[in-house]
């Protein structure tokens, strides 16, 4: 799953259906994350970028889970597709994330009541009611510009393109996401593996009887090194979770035959 840090207004706009597409910079940072999310490696880069630009089916119609978070205050999980193009004729070419389905939204109150106003094609959000009295303030146009953030691992200051009005911690988080220092890359790789294994578990195990929660705990504890391995028996299936010599999460399922997954 891909996580994008944004602000509460954008999360609300996505949930309300006012925001259906989001441009992402055509940069190495986003290219690596999107190709990884689509399940491709660097060796497939040229072909996949061509397919995204030419709107080739099988690539641009592939649905993937994306999470937008406003510093933990509000979150929305969606299914999205990706392509390369222009949001409008005057805009620069970017990756375009298209929202296909909303899966879950948390941390927002009374959202989706009315579609935001637009000025010259730009989405406009109304400010919160003044002093809780329901008095609406003037609309505020959401803008994006250059900001500085600090990588939490190496302390390097980076210039990032991000929405205005975020907190310093949000900008630091974005800077960390873009930093190429060794620790930042290690943590991104770890998170990608955890997300891939978690997505697999969500497709296999039920959320209603504790199976999914148990498997996710086993995956995390094993990957973090808290335990060497975990063996879980559910019905007639036995699942062994460990980490292989290449640092990949390995889940081996045995019934009458055996099946092995690595992430």
C-alpha atoms as a PDB file:
ATOM      1  CA  UNK A   1       0.000   0.000   0.000  1.00  0.00           C
ATOM      2  CA  UNK A   2       1.190   3.510  -0.837  1.00  0.00           C
ATOM      3  CA  UNK A   3       0.850   6.171   1.885  1.00  0.00           C
ATOM      4  CA  UNK A   4       0.611   9.841   0.908  1.00  0.00           C
ATOM      5  CA  UNK A   5       0.819  12.573   3.544  1.00  0.00           C
ATOM      6  CA  UNK A   6      -1.574  15.448   2.870  1.00  0.00           C
ATOM      7  CA  UNK A   7      -3.942  17.690   4.846  1.00  0.00           C
ATOM      8  CA  UNK A   8      -7.402  17.222   6.308  1.00  0.00           C
ATOM      9  CA  UNK A   9      -9.070  19.322   3.605  1.00  0.00           C
ATOM     10  CA  UNK A  10      -7.793  17.034   0.869  1.00  0.00           C
ATOM     11  CA  UNK A  11      -8.852  13.937   2.794  1.00  0.00           C
ATOM     12  CA  UNK A  12     -12.324  15.460   3.197  1.00  0.00           C
ATOM     13  CA  UNK A  13     -12.445  16.350  -0.512  1.00  0.00           C
ATOM     14  CA  UNK A  14     -11.585  12.767  -1.471  1.00  0.00           C
ATOM     15  CA  UNK A  15     -14.276  11.342   0.801  1.00  0.00           C
ATOM     16  CA  UNK A  16     -16.847  13.862  -0.475  1.00  0.00           C
ATOM     17  CA  UNK A  17     -16.058  12.918  -4.069  1.00  0.00           C
ATOM     18  CA  UNK A  18     -14.880  16.427  -4.966  1.00  0.00           C
ATOM     19  CA  UNK A  19     -11.321  15.226  -5.593  1.00  0.00           C
ATOM     20  CA  UNK A  20     -11.172  12.347  -8.054  1.00  0.00           C
ATOM     21  CA  UNK A  21      -7.629  12.755  -9.401  1.00  0.00           C
ATOM     22  CA  UNK A  22      -4.349  13.754  -7.816  1.00  0.00           C
ATOM     23  CA  UNK A  23      -1.200  14.697  -9.747  1.00  0.00           C
ATOM     24  CA  UNK A  24       2.106  13.385  -8.396  1.00  0.00           C
ATOM     25  CA  UNK A  25       5.474  14.744  -9.590  1.00  0.00           C
ATOM     26  CA  UNK A  26       7.123  12.838 -12.429  1.00  0.00           C
ATOM     27  CA  UNK A  27      10.226  12.292 -10.299  1.00  0.00           C
ATOM     28  CA  UNK A  28      12.474   9.334  -9.467  1.00  0.00           C
ATOM     29  CA  UNK A  29      10.992   9.244  -5.965  1.00  0.00           C
ATOM     30  CA  UNK A  30       7.390   8.800  -7.119  1.00  0.00           C
ATOM     31  CA  UNK A  31       8.417   6.604 -10.049  1.00  0.00           C
ATOM     32  CA  UNK A  32      10.051   4.075  -7.718  1.00  0.00           C
ATOM     33  CA  UNK A  33       7.100   4.059  -5.329  1.00  0.00           C
ATOM     34  CA  UNK A  34       4.460   3.673  -8.059  1.00  0.00           C
ATOM     35  CA  UNK A  35       6.369   0.951  -9.941  1.00  0.00           C
ATOM     36  CA  UNK A  36       6.853  -0.901  -6.659  1.00  0.00           C
ATOM     37  CA  UNK A  37       3.147  -0.546  -5.856  1.00  0.00           C
ATOM     38  CA  UNK A  38       2.205  -1.900  -9.290  1.00  0.00           C
ATOM     39  CA  UNK A  39       4.494  -4.871  -8.668  1.00  0.00           C
ATOM     40  CA  UNK A  40       7.264  -4.085 -11.145  1.00  0.00           C
ATOM     41  CA  UNK A  41      11.026  -3.812 -10.716  1.00  0.00           C
ATOM     42  CA  UNK A  42      13.587  -1.387 -12.153  1.00  0.00           C
ATOM     43  CA  UNK A  43      14.222  -3.801 -15.021  1.00  0.00           C
ATOM     44  CA  UNK A  44      10.644  -3.200 -16.208  1.00  0.00           C
ATOM     45  CA  UNK A  45      10.921   0.586 -15.847  1.00  0.00           C
ATOM     46  CA  UNK A  46      10.999   1.652 -19.504  1.00  0.00           C
ATOM     47  CA  UNK A  47       8.149  -0.616 -20.552  1.00  0.00           C
ATOM     48  CA  UNK A  48       5.903   0.350 -17.645  1.00  0.00           C
ATOM     49  CA  UNK A  49       6.545   4.096 -18.002  1.00  0.00           C
ATOM     50  CA  UNK A  50       5.683   3.748 -21.709  1.00  0.00           C
ATOM     51  CA  UNK A  51       2.499   1.854 -20.845  1.00  0.00           C
ATOM     52  CA  UNK A  52       1.495   4.478 -18.263  1.00  0.00           C
ATOM     53  CA  UNK A  53       2.053   7.251 -20.786  1.00  0.00           C
ATOM     54  CA  UNK A  54       0.208   5.448 -23.597  1.00  0.00           C
ATOM     55  CA  UNK A  55      -2.705   4.386 -21.331  1.00  0.00           C
ATOM     56  CA  UNK A  56      -2.115   0.698 -22.021  1.00  0.00           C
ATOM     57  CA  UNK A  57      -4.685  -1.632 -20.476  1.00  0.00           C
ATOM     58  CA  UNK A  58      -3.219  -4.059 -17.992  1.00  0.00           C
ATOM     59  CA  UNK A  59      -1.129  -1.236 -16.525  1.00  0.00           C
ATOM     60  CA  UNK A  60      -3.280   1.866 -16.203  1.00  0.00           C
ATOM     61  CA  UNK A  61      -6.342  -0.119 -15.134  1.00  0.00           C
ATOM     62  CA  UNK A  62      -4.519  -2.002 -12.354  1.00  0.00           C
ATOM     63  CA  UNK A  63      -6.149  -1.109  -9.027  1.00  0.00           C
ATOM     64  CA  UNK A  64      -3.947  -0.622  -5.992  1.00  0.00           C
ATOM     65  CA  UNK A  65      -4.627   0.452  -2.404  1.00  0.00           C
ATOM     66  CA  UNK A  66      -3.486   3.954  -1.387  1.00  0.00           C
ATOM     67  CA  UNK A  67      -3.778   5.683   1.981  1.00  0.00           C
ATOM     68  CA  UNK A  68      -4.001   9.466   2.356  1.00  0.00           C
ATOM     69  CA  UNK A  69      -3.221  10.672   5.868  1.00  0.00           C
ATOM     70  CA  UNK A  70      -3.333  14.134   7.431  1.00  0.00           C
ATOM     71  CA  UNK A  71      -0.674  13.688  10.087  1.00  0.00           C
ATOM     72  CA  UNK A  72      -2.729  10.942  11.711  1.00  0.00           C
ATOM     73  CA  UNK A  73      -5.670  13.309  12.338  1.00  0.00           C
ATOM     74  CA  UNK A  74      -7.656  12.023   9.369  1.00  0.00           C
ATOM     75  CA  UNK A  75      -7.147   9.104   7.009  1.00  0.00           C
ATOM     76  CA  UNK A  76      -8.845   7.717   3.928  1.00  0.00           C
ATOM     77  CA  UNK A  77      -8.015   4.422   2.208  1.00  0.00           C
ATOM     78  CA  UNK A  78      -8.862   4.139  -1.463  1.00  0.00           C
ATOM     79  CA  UNK A  79      -8.403   1.945  -4.500  1.00  0.00           C
ATOM     80  CA  UNK A  80      -6.667   3.865  -7.286  1.00  0.00           C
ATOM     81  CA  UNK A  81      -5.257   3.515 -10.777  1.00  0.00           C
ATOM     82  CA  UNK A  82      -2.225   5.308 -12.214  1.00  0.00           C
ATOM     83  CA  UNK A  83      -1.236   6.806 -15.548  1.00  0.00           C
ATOM     84  CA  UNK A  84       1.040   9.536 -16.913  1.00  0.00           C
ATOM     85  CA  UNK A  85      -0.563  12.612 -18.444  1.00  0.00           C
ATOM     86  CA  UNK A  86      -1.728  16.169 -17.825  1.00  0.00           C
ATOM     87  CA  UNK A  87      -4.479  17.183 -15.441  1.00  0.00           C
ATOM     88  CA  UNK A  88      -5.229  20.029 -17.865  1.00  0.00           C
ATOM     89  CA  UNK A  89      -3.637  21.138 -21.171  1.00  0.00           C
ATOM     90  CA  UNK A  90      -1.578  23.877 -19.499  1.00  0.00           C
ATOM     91  CA  UNK A  91      -0.232  21.631 -16.750  1.00  0.00           C
ATOM     92  CA  UNK A  92       3.070  19.791 -16.803  1.00  0.00           C
ATOM     93  CA  UNK A  93       3.090  16.053 -17.379  1.00  0.00           C
ATOM     94  CA  UNK A  94       2.735  14.136 -14.102  1.00  0.00           C
ATOM     95  CA  UNK A  95       1.745  10.822 -12.670  1.00  0.00           C
ATOM     96  CA  UNK A  96      -2.034  10.957 -12.255  1.00  0.00           C
ATOM     97  CA  UNK A  97      -3.630   8.984  -9.457  1.00  0.00           C
ATOM     98  CA  UNK A  98      -7.309   8.334 -10.196  1.00  0.00           C
ATOM     99  CA  UNK A  99      -9.582   7.453  -7.274  1.00  0.00           C
ATOM    100  CA  UNK A 100     -11.731   4.442  -8.171  1.00  0.00           C
ATOM    101  CA  UNK A 101     -13.201   3.429  -4.818  1.00  0.00           C
ATOM    102  CA  UNK A 102     -13.176   4.638  -1.218  1.00  0.00           C
ATOM    103  CA  UNK A 103     -12.522   1.790   1.209  1.00  0.00           C
ATOM    104  CA  UNK A 104     -12.437   3.481   4.611  1.00  0.00           C
ATOM    105  CA  UNK A 105     -12.290   6.967   6.153  1.00  0.00           C
ATOM    106  CA  UNK A 106     -11.462   7.844   9.755  1.00  0.00           C
ATOM    107  CA  UNK A 107     -10.937  11.006  11.779  1.00  0.00           C
ATOM    108  CA  UNK A 108     -13.339  13.214   9.845  1.00  0.00           C
ATOM    109  CA  UNK A 109     -16.656  14.563  11.066  1.00  0.00           C
ATOM    110  CA  UNK A 110     -19.625  15.555   8.911  1.00  0.00           C
ATOM    111  CA  UNK A 111     -17.781  15.117   5.641  1.00  0.00           C
ATOM    112  CA  UNK A 112     -19.292  14.846   2.214  1.00  0.00           C
ATOM    113  CA  UNK A 113     -22.200  17.200   2.909  1.00  0.00           C
ATOM    114  CA  UNK A 114     -21.669  19.382  -0.138  1.00  0.00           C
ATOM    115  CA  UNK A 115     -19.298  19.518  -3.062  1.00  0.00           C
ATOM    116  CA  UNK A 116     -16.600  22.170  -2.584  1.00  0.00           C
ATOM    117  CA  UNK A 117     -16.865  25.370  -4.559  1.00  0.00           C
ATOM    118  CA  UNK A 118     -14.503  25.862  -7.499  1.00  0.00           C
ATOM    119  CA  UNK A 119     -12.754  29.005  -8.705  1.00  0.00           C
ATOM    120  CA  UNK A 120     -11.242  28.867 -12.200  1.00  0.00           C
ATOM    121  CA  UNK A 121     -11.221  25.089 -12.019  1.00  0.00           C
ATOM    122  CA  UNK A 122      -9.408  24.962  -8.678  1.00  0.00           C
ATOM    123  CA  UNK A 123     -11.041  23.102  -5.817  1.00  0.00           C
ATOM    124  CA  UNK A 124     -11.905  25.457  -2.974  1.00  0.00           C
ATOM    125  CA  UNK A 125     -12.560  24.385   0.600  1.00  0.00           C
ATOM    126  CA  UNK A 126     -14.574  26.390   3.109  1.00  0.00           C
ATOM    127  CA  UNK A 127     -12.860  27.080   6.409  1.00  0.00           C
ATOM    128  CA  UNK A 128     -14.162  25.542   9.628  1.00  0.00           C
ATOM    129  CA  UNK A 129     -17.145  27.221  11.244  1.00  0.00           C
ATOM    130  CA  UNK A 130     -16.050  30.230  13.303  1.00  0.00           C
ATOM    131  CA  UNK A 131     -16.013  29.607  17.054  1.00  0.00           C
ATOM    132  CA  UNK A 132     -18.342  26.642  16.602  1.00  0.00           C
ATOM    133  CA  UNK A 133     -21.229  28.923  15.656  1.00  0.00           C
ATOM    134  CA  UNK A 134     -21.644  27.624  12.133  1.00  0.00           C
ATOM    135  CA  UNK A 135     -20.467  30.899  10.552  1.00  0.00           C
ATOM    136  CA  UNK A 136     -18.618  30.006   7.358  1.00  0.00           C
ATOM    137  CA  UNK A 137     -15.478  31.933   6.565  1.00  0.00           C
ATOM    138  CA  UNK A 138     -14.227  32.891   3.134  1.00  0.00           C
ATOM    139  CA  UNK A 139     -13.146  30.022   0.853  1.00  0.00           C
ATOM    140  CA  UNK A 140      -9.457  29.188   0.816  1.00  0.00           C
ATOM    141  CA  UNK A 141      -7.786  27.938  -2.352  1.00  0.00           C
ATOM    142  CA  UNK A 142      -5.520  24.975  -1.693  1.00  0.00           C
ATOM    143  CA  UNK A 143      -2.030  25.587  -3.088  1.00  0.00           C
ATOM    144  CA  UNK A 144       1.180  23.606  -3.468  1.00  0.00           C
ATOM    145  CA  UNK A 145       4.678  25.069  -3.292  1.00  0.00           C
ATOM    146  CA  UNK A 146       8.261  24.378  -2.212  1.00  0.00           C
ATOM    147  CA  UNK A 147       8.900  23.698   1.476  1.00  0.00           C
ATOM    148  CA  UNK A 148      11.811  22.481   3.586  1.00  0.00           C
ATOM    149  CA  UNK A 149      11.814  19.323   5.649  1.00  0.00           C
ATOM    150  CA  UNK A 150      14.380  17.430   7.677  1.00  0.00           C
ATOM    151  CA  UNK A 151      15.072  13.711   7.286  1.00  0.00           C
ATOM    152  CA  UNK A 152      14.533  12.054  10.645  1.00  0.00           C
ATOM    153  CA  UNK A 153      17.384   9.623  10.027  1.00  0.00           C
ATOM    154  CA  UNK A 154      20.302  11.660   8.644  1.00  0.00           C
ATOM    155  CA  UNK A 155      19.174  15.202   9.519  1.00  0.00           C
ATOM    156  CA  UNK A 156      19.591  16.436   5.952  1.00  0.00           C
ATOM    157  CA  UNK A 157      17.447  19.427   4.991  1.00  0.00           C
ATOM    158  CA  UNK A 158      15.552  18.849   1.744  1.00  0.00           C
ATOM    159  CA  UNK A 159      13.385  20.982  -0.511  1.00  0.00           C
ATOM    160  CA  UNK A 160      10.081  19.247  -1.206  1.00  0.00           C
ATOM    161  CA  UNK A 161       6.997  20.067  -3.250  1.00  0.00           C
ATOM    162  CA  UNK A 162       4.010  19.735  -0.933  1.00  0.00           C
ATOM    163  CA  UNK A 163       0.621  21.274  -0.055  1.00  0.00           C
ATOM    164  CA  UNK A 164       0.796  24.525   1.882  1.00  0.00           C
ATOM    165  CA  UNK A 165      -0.450  24.630   5.455  1.00  0.00           C
ATOM    166  CA  UNK A 166       0.929  21.315   6.685  1.00  0.00           C
ATOM    167  CA  UNK A 167       2.682  21.009  10.029  1.00  0.00           C
ATOM    168  CA  UNK A 168       6.455  20.948  10.404  1.00  0.00           C
ATOM    169  CA  UNK A 169       6.242  17.269  11.301  1.00  0.00           C
ATOM    170  CA  UNK A 170       4.339  16.558   8.078  1.00  0.00           C
ATOM    171  CA  UNK A 171       7.039  18.281   6.010  1.00  0.00           C
ATOM    172  CA  UNK A 172       9.722  16.332   7.889  1.00  0.00           C
ATOM    173  CA  UNK A 173       7.848  13.113   7.125  1.00  0.00           C
ATOM    174  CA  UNK A 174       7.706  13.967   3.417  1.00  0.00           C
ATOM    175  CA  UNK A 175      11.406  14.881   3.414  1.00  0.00           C
ATOM    176  CA  UNK A 176      12.194  11.547   5.043  1.00  0.00           C
ATOM    177  CA  UNK A 177      10.125   9.768   2.386  1.00  0.00           C
ATOM    178  CA  UNK A 178      12.182  11.409  -0.361  1.00  0.00           C
ATOM    179  CA  UNK A 179      15.608  11.166   1.298  1.00  0.00           C
ATOM    180  CA  UNK A 180      18.117   8.812  -0.320  1.00  0.00           C
ATOM    181  CA  UNK A 181      20.187   8.207   2.820  1.00  0.00           C
ATOM    182  CA  UNK A 182      20.823   4.559   3.637  1.00  0.00           C
ATOM    183  CA  UNK A 183      18.555   4.369   6.685  1.00  0.00           C
ATOM    184  CA  UNK A 184      15.632   6.075   4.931  1.00  0.00           C
ATOM    185  CA  UNK A 185      15.884   3.593   2.052  1.00  0.00           C
ATOM    186  CA  UNK A 186      16.070   0.665   4.468  1.00  0.00           C
ATOM    187  CA  UNK A 187      12.962   1.837   6.296  1.00  0.00           C
ATOM    188  CA  UNK A 188      11.050   2.374   3.037  1.00  0.00           C
ATOM    189  CA  UNK A 189      11.961  -1.138   1.924  1.00  0.00           C
ATOM    190  CA  UNK A 190      10.904  -2.556   5.284  1.00  0.00           C
ATOM    191  CA  UNK A 191       7.578  -0.727   5.130  1.00  0.00           C
ATOM    192  CA  UNK A 192       6.964  -1.925   1.560  1.00  0.00           C
ATOM    193  CA  UNK A 193       7.547  -5.538   2.614  1.00  0.00           C
ATOM    194  CA  UNK A 194       5.247  -5.197   5.612  1.00  0.00           C
ATOM    195  CA  UNK A 195       2.538  -3.608   3.465  1.00  0.00           C
ATOM    196  CA  UNK A 196       2.815  -6.351   0.823  1.00  0.00           C
ATOM    197  CA  UNK A 197       2.594  -9.102   3.438  1.00  0.00           C
ATOM    198  CA  UNK A 198      -0.287  -7.305   5.172  1.00  0.00           C
ATOM    199  CA  UNK A 199      -2.219  -6.964   1.905  1.00  0.00           C
ATOM    200  CA  UNK A 200      -1.745 -10.676   1.233  1.00  0.00           C
ATOM    201  CA  UNK A 201      -3.026 -11.507   4.737  1.00  0.00           C
ATOM    202  CA  UNK A 202      -6.091  -9.274   4.280  1.00  0.00           C
ATOM    203  CA  UNK A 203      -6.996 -11.194   1.119  1.00  0.00           C
ATOM    204  CA  UNK A 204      -6.632 -14.568   2.848  1.00  0.00           C
ATOM    205  CA  UNK A 205      -7.881 -14.245   6.431  1.00  0.00           C
ATOM    206  CA  UNK A 206     -11.188 -13.171   7.939  1.00  0.00           C
ATOM    207  CA  UNK A 207     -11.383  -9.885   9.848  1.00  0.00           C
ATOM    208  CA  UNK A 208     -14.368 -11.052  11.902  1.00  0.00           C
ATOM    209  CA  UNK A 209     -12.903 -13.801  14.063  1.00  0.00           C
ATOM    210  CA  UNK A 210      -9.414 -12.595  14.933  1.00  0.00           C
ATOM    211  CA  UNK A 211      -7.599 -14.591  12.247  1.00  0.00           C
ATOM    212  CA  UNK A 212      -6.333 -11.534  10.389  1.00  0.00           C
ATOM    213  CA  UNK A 213      -5.206  -9.740  13.554  1.00  0.00           C
ATOM    214  CA  UNK A 214      -3.311 -12.840  14.699  1.00  0.00           C
ATOM    215  CA  UNK A 215      -1.552 -13.247  11.378  1.00  0.00           C
ATOM    216  CA  UNK A 216      -0.615  -9.549  11.186  1.00  0.00           C
ATOM    217  CA  UNK A 217       0.853  -9.739  14.710  1.00  0.00           C
ATOM    218  CA  UNK A 218       2.851 -12.822  13.722  1.00  0.00           C
ATOM    219  CA  UNK A 219       4.189 -11.098  10.596  1.00  0.00           C
ATOM    220  CA  UNK A 220       5.220  -7.966  12.502  1.00  0.00           C
ATOM    221  CA  UNK A 221       6.775  -9.813  15.439  1.00  0.00           C
ATOM    222  CA  UNK A 222       8.788 -12.048  13.120  1.00  0.00           C
ATOM    223  CA  UNK A 223       9.915  -9.247  10.833  1.00  0.00           C
ATOM    224  CA  UNK A 224      10.911  -7.064  13.809  1.00  0.00           C
ATOM    225  CA  UNK A 225      12.947  -9.932  15.254  1.00  0.00           C
ATOM    226  CA  UNK A 226      10.871 -10.278  18.418  1.00  0.00           C
ATOM    227  CA  UNK A 227      10.458 -13.987  17.618  1.00  0.00           C
ATOM    228  CA  UNK A 228      12.450 -16.286  15.339  1.00  0.00           C
ATOM    229  CA  UNK A 229       9.343 -17.667  13.668  1.00  0.00           C
ATOM    230  CA  UNK A 230       5.629 -18.136  14.293  1.00  0.00           C
ATOM    231  CA  UNK A 231       3.454 -21.133  13.441  1.00  0.00           C
ATOM    232  CA  UNK A 232      -0.316 -20.637  13.298  1.00  0.00           C
ATOM    233  CA  UNK A 233      -2.814 -23.430  12.688  1.00  0.00           C
ATOM    234  CA  UNK A 234      -6.221 -22.346  11.407  1.00  0.00           C
ATOM    235  CA  UNK A 235      -8.569 -25.156  10.502  1.00  0.00           C
ATOM    236  CA  UNK A 236      -6.684 -27.629   8.343  1.00  0.00           C
ATOM    237  CA  UNK A 237      -4.044 -25.113   7.273  1.00  0.00           C
ATOM    238  CA  UNK A 238      -0.754 -24.480   9.070  1.00  0.00           C
ATOM    239  CA  UNK A 239       1.035 -21.206   8.364  1.00  0.00           C
ATOM    240  CA  UNK A 240       4.700 -20.724   9.279  1.00  0.00           C
ATOM    241  CA  UNK A 241       6.007 -17.142   9.259  1.00  0.00           C
ATOM    242  CA  UNK A 242       9.744 -16.389   9.260  1.00  0.00           C
ATOM    243  CA  UNK A 243      12.355 -14.277   7.479  1.00  0.00           C
ATOM    244  CA  UNK A 244      14.606 -15.831   4.848  1.00  0.00           C
ATOM    245  CA  UNK A 245      18.303 -15.211   4.280  1.00  0.00           C
ATOM    246  CA  UNK A 246      17.582 -12.277   1.959  1.00  0.00           C
ATOM    247  CA  UNK A 247      15.502 -10.479   4.591  1.00  0.00           C
ATOM    248  CA  UNK A 248      12.210 -11.306   2.884  1.00  0.00           C
ATOM    249  CA  UNK A 249       9.105 -12.144   4.893  1.00  0.00           C
ATOM    250  CA  UNK A 250       8.329 -15.790   4.162  1.00  0.00           C
ATOM    251  CA  UNK A 251       4.933 -17.398   4.803  1.00  0.00           C
ATOM    252  CA  UNK A 252       4.717 -21.110   4.150  1.00  0.00           C
ATOM    253  CA  UNK A 253       1.240 -22.650   4.150  1.00  0.00           C
ATOM    254  CA  UNK A 254       0.849 -26.402   4.449  1.00  0.00           C
ATOM    255  CA  UNK A 255      -2.290 -28.477   3.913  1.00  0.00           C
ATOM    256  CA  UNK A 256      -1.994 -31.599   1.841  1.00  0.00           C
ATOM    257  CA  UNK A 257       0.313 -29.685  -0.446  1.00  0.00           C
ATOM    258  CA  UNK A 258       2.487 -26.744   0.554  1.00  0.00           C
ATOM    259  CA  UNK A 259       2.534 -23.231  -0.787  1.00  0.00           C
ATOM    260  CA  UNK A 260       5.132 -20.558  -0.050  1.00  0.00           C
ATOM    261  CA  UNK A 261       4.848 -16.760  -0.353  1.00  0.00           C
ATOM    262  CA  UNK A 262       7.679 -14.239   0.043  1.00  0.00           C
ATOM    263  CA  UNK A 263       7.462 -10.455   0.329  1.00  0.00           C
END
